[in-house]
Structures are given as C-alpha cells and as structure tokens.
Amino acid sequence: MNTKQITAAIVLFAAAGAAMAESPFPPETKFVSTKTRTEVVSELQQAQAQGLITNGNNYPIVIQARSPLSRGEVISQSKSAVDGSVYTGA
C-alpha cells in the first residue's frame, strides 16, 4: 500500500513539473536589427579608440571627471573644514 502511494506521489510531482516547464518565459520574440553590420563595426571601432571597451569583467568603464583643483588645494580645503562639512571617512 505504501509503495503504491509513494509511486503515485512521484508520478504526480513529475507531471506537475513537466506542466510548468512547457512554455518559455518571457515569450521568445524574433530579434530584428535596425543597424547594418558596417554600422556596428564602426561603432565598435570608435568605442575601442576612446577606451570604452576592455577585456574581462571591467565593463562598463566609468570615466571620472578631472578636478580643476590641485592636490595641495584639496588638502588645504580638507584641513580647513573643521565644522564637519566634509566627510573624511569612518
């Protein structure tokens, strides 16, 4: 009796799992490109020339803006900010 119940439960679980795996989610849609191959290649070459493409897991590259202040000016501003207006770390 127990063997029949266990077998029935396994069959029901397998059937339920198969029913859940029938349709892909999200529904597959056909991709249609709006650019030609030469346009894509030229964009890739421009990005490589600008240093925006790298090898490995470093993508995307964030280009940090240059500061107009010299290192000495930043240090003097940090030392003069005693009122707590500049966060200096924990």
N, C-alpha and C. Protein backbone atom coordinates (compact mmCIF):
# COMPACT_ATOMS: atom_id res chain seq x y z
N MET A 1 0.83 -1.20 0.00
CA MET A 1 0.00 0.00 0.00
C MET A 1 0.86 1.25 0.00
N ASN A 2 1.87 1.27 0.87
CA ASN A 2 2.75 2.43 0.93
C ASN A 2 3.50 2.64 -0.38
N THR A 3 3.91 1.56 -1.00
CA THR A 3 4.66 1.65 -2.25
C THR A 3 3.80 2.27 -3.34
N LYS A 4 2.53 1.92 -3.38
CA LYS A 4 1.62 2.49 -4.38
C LYS A 4 1.43 3.98 -4.16
N GLN A 5 1.32 4.41 -2.91
CA GLN A 5 1.12 5.83 -2.61
C GLN A 5 2.37 6.64 -2.95
N ILE A 6 3.53 6.09 -2.63
CA ILE A 6 4.78 6.79 -2.93
C ILE A 6 4.97 6.89 -4.44
N THR A 7 4.67 5.83 -5.15
CA THR A 7 4.78 5.84 -6.61
C THR A 7 3.81 6.85 -7.21
N ALA A 8 2.60 6.89 -6.71
CA ALA A 8 1.60 7.84 -7.22
C ALA A 8 2.04 9.27 -6.95
N ALA A 9 2.61 9.53 -5.77
CA ALA A 9 3.08 10.87 -5.44
C ALA A 9 4.22 11.29 -6.36
N ILE A 10 5.15 10.38 -6.64
CA ILE A 10 6.27 10.70 -7.53
C ILE A 10 5.77 11.00 -8.94
N VAL A 11 4.81 10.24 -9.41
CA VAL A 11 4.25 10.46 -10.75
C VAL A 11 3.56 11.82 -10.80
N LEU A 12 2.80 12.16 -9.77
CA LEU A 12 2.10 13.45 -9.75
C LEU A 12 3.08 14.62 -9.71
N PHE A 13 4.13 14.50 -8.90
CA PHE A 13 5.13 15.57 -8.85
C PHE A 13 5.85 15.72 -10.19
N ALA A 14 6.16 14.62 -10.84
CA ALA A 14 6.82 14.67 -12.15
C ALA A 14 5.91 15.32 -13.19
N ALA A 15 4.62 14.98 -13.15
CA ALA A 15 3.67 15.55 -14.10
C ALA A 15 3.51 17.05 -13.86
N ALA A 16 3.48 17.45 -12.60
CA ALA A 16 3.34 18.88 -12.29
C ALA A 16 4.58 19.64 -12.75
N GLY A 17 5.75 19.06 -12.56
CA GLY A 17 6.98 19.71 -13.01
C GLY A 17 7.05 19.84 -14.51
N ALA A 18 6.59 18.82 -15.21
CA ALA A 18 6.58 18.86 -16.67
C ALA A 18 5.59 19.89 -17.19
N ALA A 19 4.47 20.04 -16.52
CA ALA A 19 3.48 21.01 -16.94
C ALA A 19 3.99 22.44 -16.77
N MET A 20 4.81 22.67 -15.76
CA MET A 20 5.34 24.01 -15.51
C MET A 20 6.43 24.37 -16.52
N ALA A 21 7.07 23.39 -17.14
CA ALA A 21 8.21 23.64 -17.99
C ALA A 21 7.86 23.67 -19.47
N GLU A 22 6.60 23.84 -19.81
CA GLU A 22 6.20 23.76 -21.21
C GLU A 22 6.50 25.03 -21.99
N SER A 23 6.24 26.19 -21.45
CA SER A 23 6.41 27.41 -22.24
C SER A 23 7.53 28.27 -21.67
N PRO A 24 8.34 28.85 -22.54
CA PRO A 24 9.42 29.70 -22.06
C PRO A 24 8.88 31.04 -21.56
N PHE A 25 9.55 31.57 -20.57
CA PHE A 25 9.16 32.90 -20.08
C PHE A 25 10.40 33.75 -20.02
N PRO A 26 10.46 34.93 -20.53
CA PRO A 26 9.41 35.61 -21.29
C PRO A 26 9.25 34.98 -22.67
N PRO A 27 8.12 35.20 -23.31
CA PRO A 27 7.91 34.59 -24.62
C PRO A 27 9.00 35.01 -25.60
N GLU A 28 9.48 34.06 -26.37
CA GLU A 28 10.55 34.34 -27.31
C GLU A 28 10.02 35.18 -28.46
N THR A 29 10.73 36.26 -28.76
CA THR A 29 10.37 37.10 -29.90
C THR A 29 11.57 37.18 -30.82
N LYS A 30 11.33 37.27 -32.08
CA LYS A 30 12.40 37.32 -33.06
C LYS A 30 13.05 38.69 -33.01
N PHE A 31 14.40 38.71 -32.94
CA PHE A 31 15.14 39.96 -32.89
C PHE A 31 15.35 40.47 -34.31
N VAL A 32 15.06 41.76 -34.51
CA VAL A 32 15.28 42.38 -35.80
C VAL A 32 16.17 43.59 -35.58
N SER A 33 17.34 43.58 -36.19
CA SER A 33 18.30 44.66 -36.01
C SER A 33 17.93 45.85 -36.88
N THR A 34 18.20 47.04 -36.38
CA THR A 34 17.94 48.26 -37.16
C THR A 34 19.22 48.83 -37.75
N LYS A 35 20.37 48.21 -37.44
CA LYS A 35 21.65 48.69 -37.94
C LYS A 35 22.28 47.65 -38.86
N THR A 36 23.11 48.14 -39.76
CA THR A 36 23.83 47.23 -40.63
C THR A 36 25.10 46.76 -39.92
N ARG A 37 25.72 45.74 -40.48
CA ARG A 37 26.95 45.19 -39.90
C ARG A 37 28.06 46.24 -39.90
N THR A 38 28.15 47.02 -40.96
CA THR A 38 29.21 48.04 -41.04
C THR A 38 29.01 49.14 -40.00
N GLU A 39 27.76 49.48 -39.70
CA GLU A 39 27.50 50.48 -38.66
C GLU A 39 27.92 49.96 -37.29
N VAL A 40 27.64 48.70 -37.02
CA VAL A 40 28.01 48.11 -35.73
C VAL A 40 29.52 48.04 -35.61
N VAL A 41 30.20 47.63 -36.67
CA VAL A 41 31.66 47.53 -36.64
C VAL A 41 32.29 48.90 -36.44
N SER A 42 31.75 49.93 -37.10
CA SER A 42 32.32 51.28 -36.94
C SER A 42 32.08 51.81 -35.53
N GLU A 43 30.92 51.52 -34.93
CA GLU A 43 30.68 51.93 -33.54
C GLU A 43 31.64 51.22 -32.58
N LEU A 44 31.91 49.95 -32.84
CA LEU A 44 32.84 49.20 -32.01
C LEU A 44 34.24 49.79 -32.12
N GLN A 45 34.67 50.13 -33.32
CA GLN A 45 36.00 50.71 -33.50
C GLN A 45 36.11 52.08 -32.81
N GLN A 46 35.06 52.87 -32.86
CA GLN A 46 35.07 54.17 -32.16
C GLN A 46 35.16 53.97 -30.66
N ALA A 47 34.41 53.02 -30.13
CA ALA A 47 34.43 52.77 -28.69
C ALA A 47 35.80 52.25 -28.25
N GLN A 48 36.41 51.40 -29.06
CA GLN A 48 37.75 50.91 -28.73
C GLN A 48 38.77 52.03 -28.78
N ALA A 49 38.65 52.95 -29.74
CA ALA A 49 39.57 54.07 -29.85
C ALA A 49 39.44 55.01 -28.66
N GLN A 50 38.23 55.14 -28.11
CA GLN A 50 38.01 56.01 -26.95
C GLN A 50 38.33 55.31 -25.64
N GLY A 51 38.66 54.02 -25.68
CA GLY A 51 39.00 53.28 -24.47
C GLY A 51 37.79 52.83 -23.67
N LEU A 52 36.65 52.68 -24.32
CA LEU A 52 35.43 52.29 -23.61
C LEU A 52 35.21 50.78 -23.60
N ILE A 53 35.99 50.03 -24.36
CA ILE A 53 35.85 48.58 -24.42
C ILE A 53 37.12 47.96 -23.87
N THR A 54 36.96 47.00 -22.94
CA THR A 54 38.11 46.30 -22.38
C THR A 54 37.85 44.81 -22.41
N ASN A 55 38.86 44.05 -22.12
CA ASN A 55 38.72 42.60 -21.99
C ASN A 55 38.45 42.28 -20.53
N GLY A 56 37.73 41.20 -20.29
CA GLY A 56 37.47 40.79 -18.92
C GLY A 56 36.14 41.31 -18.41
N ASN A 57 36.02 41.41 -17.10
CA ASN A 57 34.78 41.81 -16.45
C ASN A 57 34.80 43.26 -16.02
N ASN A 58 35.44 44.13 -16.75
CA ASN A 58 35.58 45.53 -16.37
C ASN A 58 34.59 46.44 -17.06
N TYR A 59 33.60 45.91 -17.75
CA TYR A 59 32.67 46.73 -18.49
C TYR A 59 31.47 47.08 -17.64
N PRO A 60 30.91 48.21 -17.64
CA PRO A 60 31.28 49.39 -18.40
C PRO A 60 32.32 50.22 -17.68
N ILE A 61 33.07 50.96 -18.43
CA ILE A 61 34.10 51.81 -17.87
C ILE A 61 33.49 53.17 -17.55
N VAL A 62 33.69 53.62 -16.33
CA VAL A 62 33.20 54.92 -15.92
C VAL A 62 34.36 55.90 -15.98
N ILE A 63 34.23 56.90 -16.83
CA ILE A 63 35.29 57.89 -16.97
C ILE A 63 35.07 58.95 -15.91
N GLN A 64 36.06 59.10 -15.04
CA GLN A 64 35.95 60.05 -13.95
C GLN A 64 36.34 61.44 -14.43
N ALA A 65 35.55 62.43 -14.03
CA ALA A 65 35.82 63.80 -14.43
C ALA A 65 37.07 64.32 -13.73
N ARG A 66 37.84 65.12 -14.44
CA ARG A 66 39.05 65.72 -13.88
C ARG A 66 38.67 66.86 -12.95
N SER A 67 39.39 66.97 -11.86
CA SER A 67 39.15 68.05 -10.92
C SER A 67 40.02 69.25 -11.30
N PRO A 68 39.46 70.45 -11.24
CA PRO A 68 40.28 71.63 -11.56
C PRO A 68 41.23 72.00 -10.42
N LEU A 69 41.08 71.38 -9.25
CA LEU A 69 41.90 71.71 -8.10
C LEU A 69 43.17 70.87 -8.08
N SER A 70 44.24 71.48 -7.58
CA SER A 70 45.47 70.71 -7.40
C SER A 70 45.37 69.90 -6.12
N ARG A 71 46.34 69.01 -5.92
CA ARG A 71 46.31 68.17 -4.73
C ARG A 71 46.47 69.02 -3.47
N GLY A 72 47.33 70.02 -3.53
CA GLY A 72 47.53 70.90 -2.38
C GLY A 72 46.27 71.67 -2.01
N GLU A 73 45.53 72.12 -3.02
CA GLU A 73 44.29 72.84 -2.75
C GLU A 73 43.25 71.93 -2.07
N VAL A 74 43.18 70.69 -2.51
CA VAL A 74 42.23 69.75 -1.91
C VAL A 74 42.61 69.48 -0.45
N ILE A 75 43.91 69.31 -0.19
CA ILE A 75 44.37 69.06 1.17
C ILE A 75 44.08 70.26 2.06
N SER A 76 44.33 71.47 1.56
CA SER A 76 44.07 72.65 2.38
C SER A 76 42.57 72.82 2.65
N GLN A 77 41.72 72.51 1.68
CA GLN A 77 40.28 72.58 1.91
C GLN A 77 39.85 71.55 2.95
N SER A 78 40.43 70.38 2.90
CA SER A 78 40.09 69.34 3.86
C SER A 78 40.50 69.73 5.27
N LYS A 79 41.66 70.35 5.41
CA LYS A 79 42.13 70.76 6.73
C LYS A 79 41.34 71.94 7.27
N SER A 80 40.87 72.82 6.40
CA SER A 80 40.15 73.99 6.86
C SER A 80 38.68 73.68 7.20
N ALA A 81 38.18 72.53 6.78
CA ALA A 81 36.78 72.18 7.04
C ALA A 81 36.66 71.49 8.38
N VAL A 82 36.71 72.25 9.46
CA VAL A 82 36.63 71.69 10.81
C VAL A 82 35.19 71.61 11.28
N ASP A 83 34.28 72.24 10.60
CA ASP A 83 32.89 72.27 11.05
C ASP A 83 32.14 70.99 10.69
N GLY A 84 32.80 70.03 10.10
CA GLY A 84 32.13 68.77 9.77
C GLY A 84 31.44 68.78 8.44
N SER A 85 31.69 69.77 7.60
CA SER A 85 31.01 69.84 6.31
C SER A 85 31.64 68.90 5.29
N VAL A 86 32.82 68.37 5.57
CA VAL A 86 33.48 67.44 4.66
C VAL A 86 33.59 66.10 5.35
N TYR A 87 33.09 65.06 4.68
CA TYR A 87 33.17 63.71 5.22
C TYR A 87 34.57 63.17 4.95
N THR A 88 35.27 62.73 6.00
CA THR A 88 36.63 62.24 5.84
C THR A 88 36.74 60.76 6.11
N GLY A 89 35.66 60.07 6.27
CA GLY A 89 35.69 58.62 6.48
C GLY A 89 35.34 58.25 7.91
N ALA A 90 35.15 56.98 8.10
CA ALA A 90 34.72 56.49 9.41
C ALA A 90 35.88 56.34 10.36
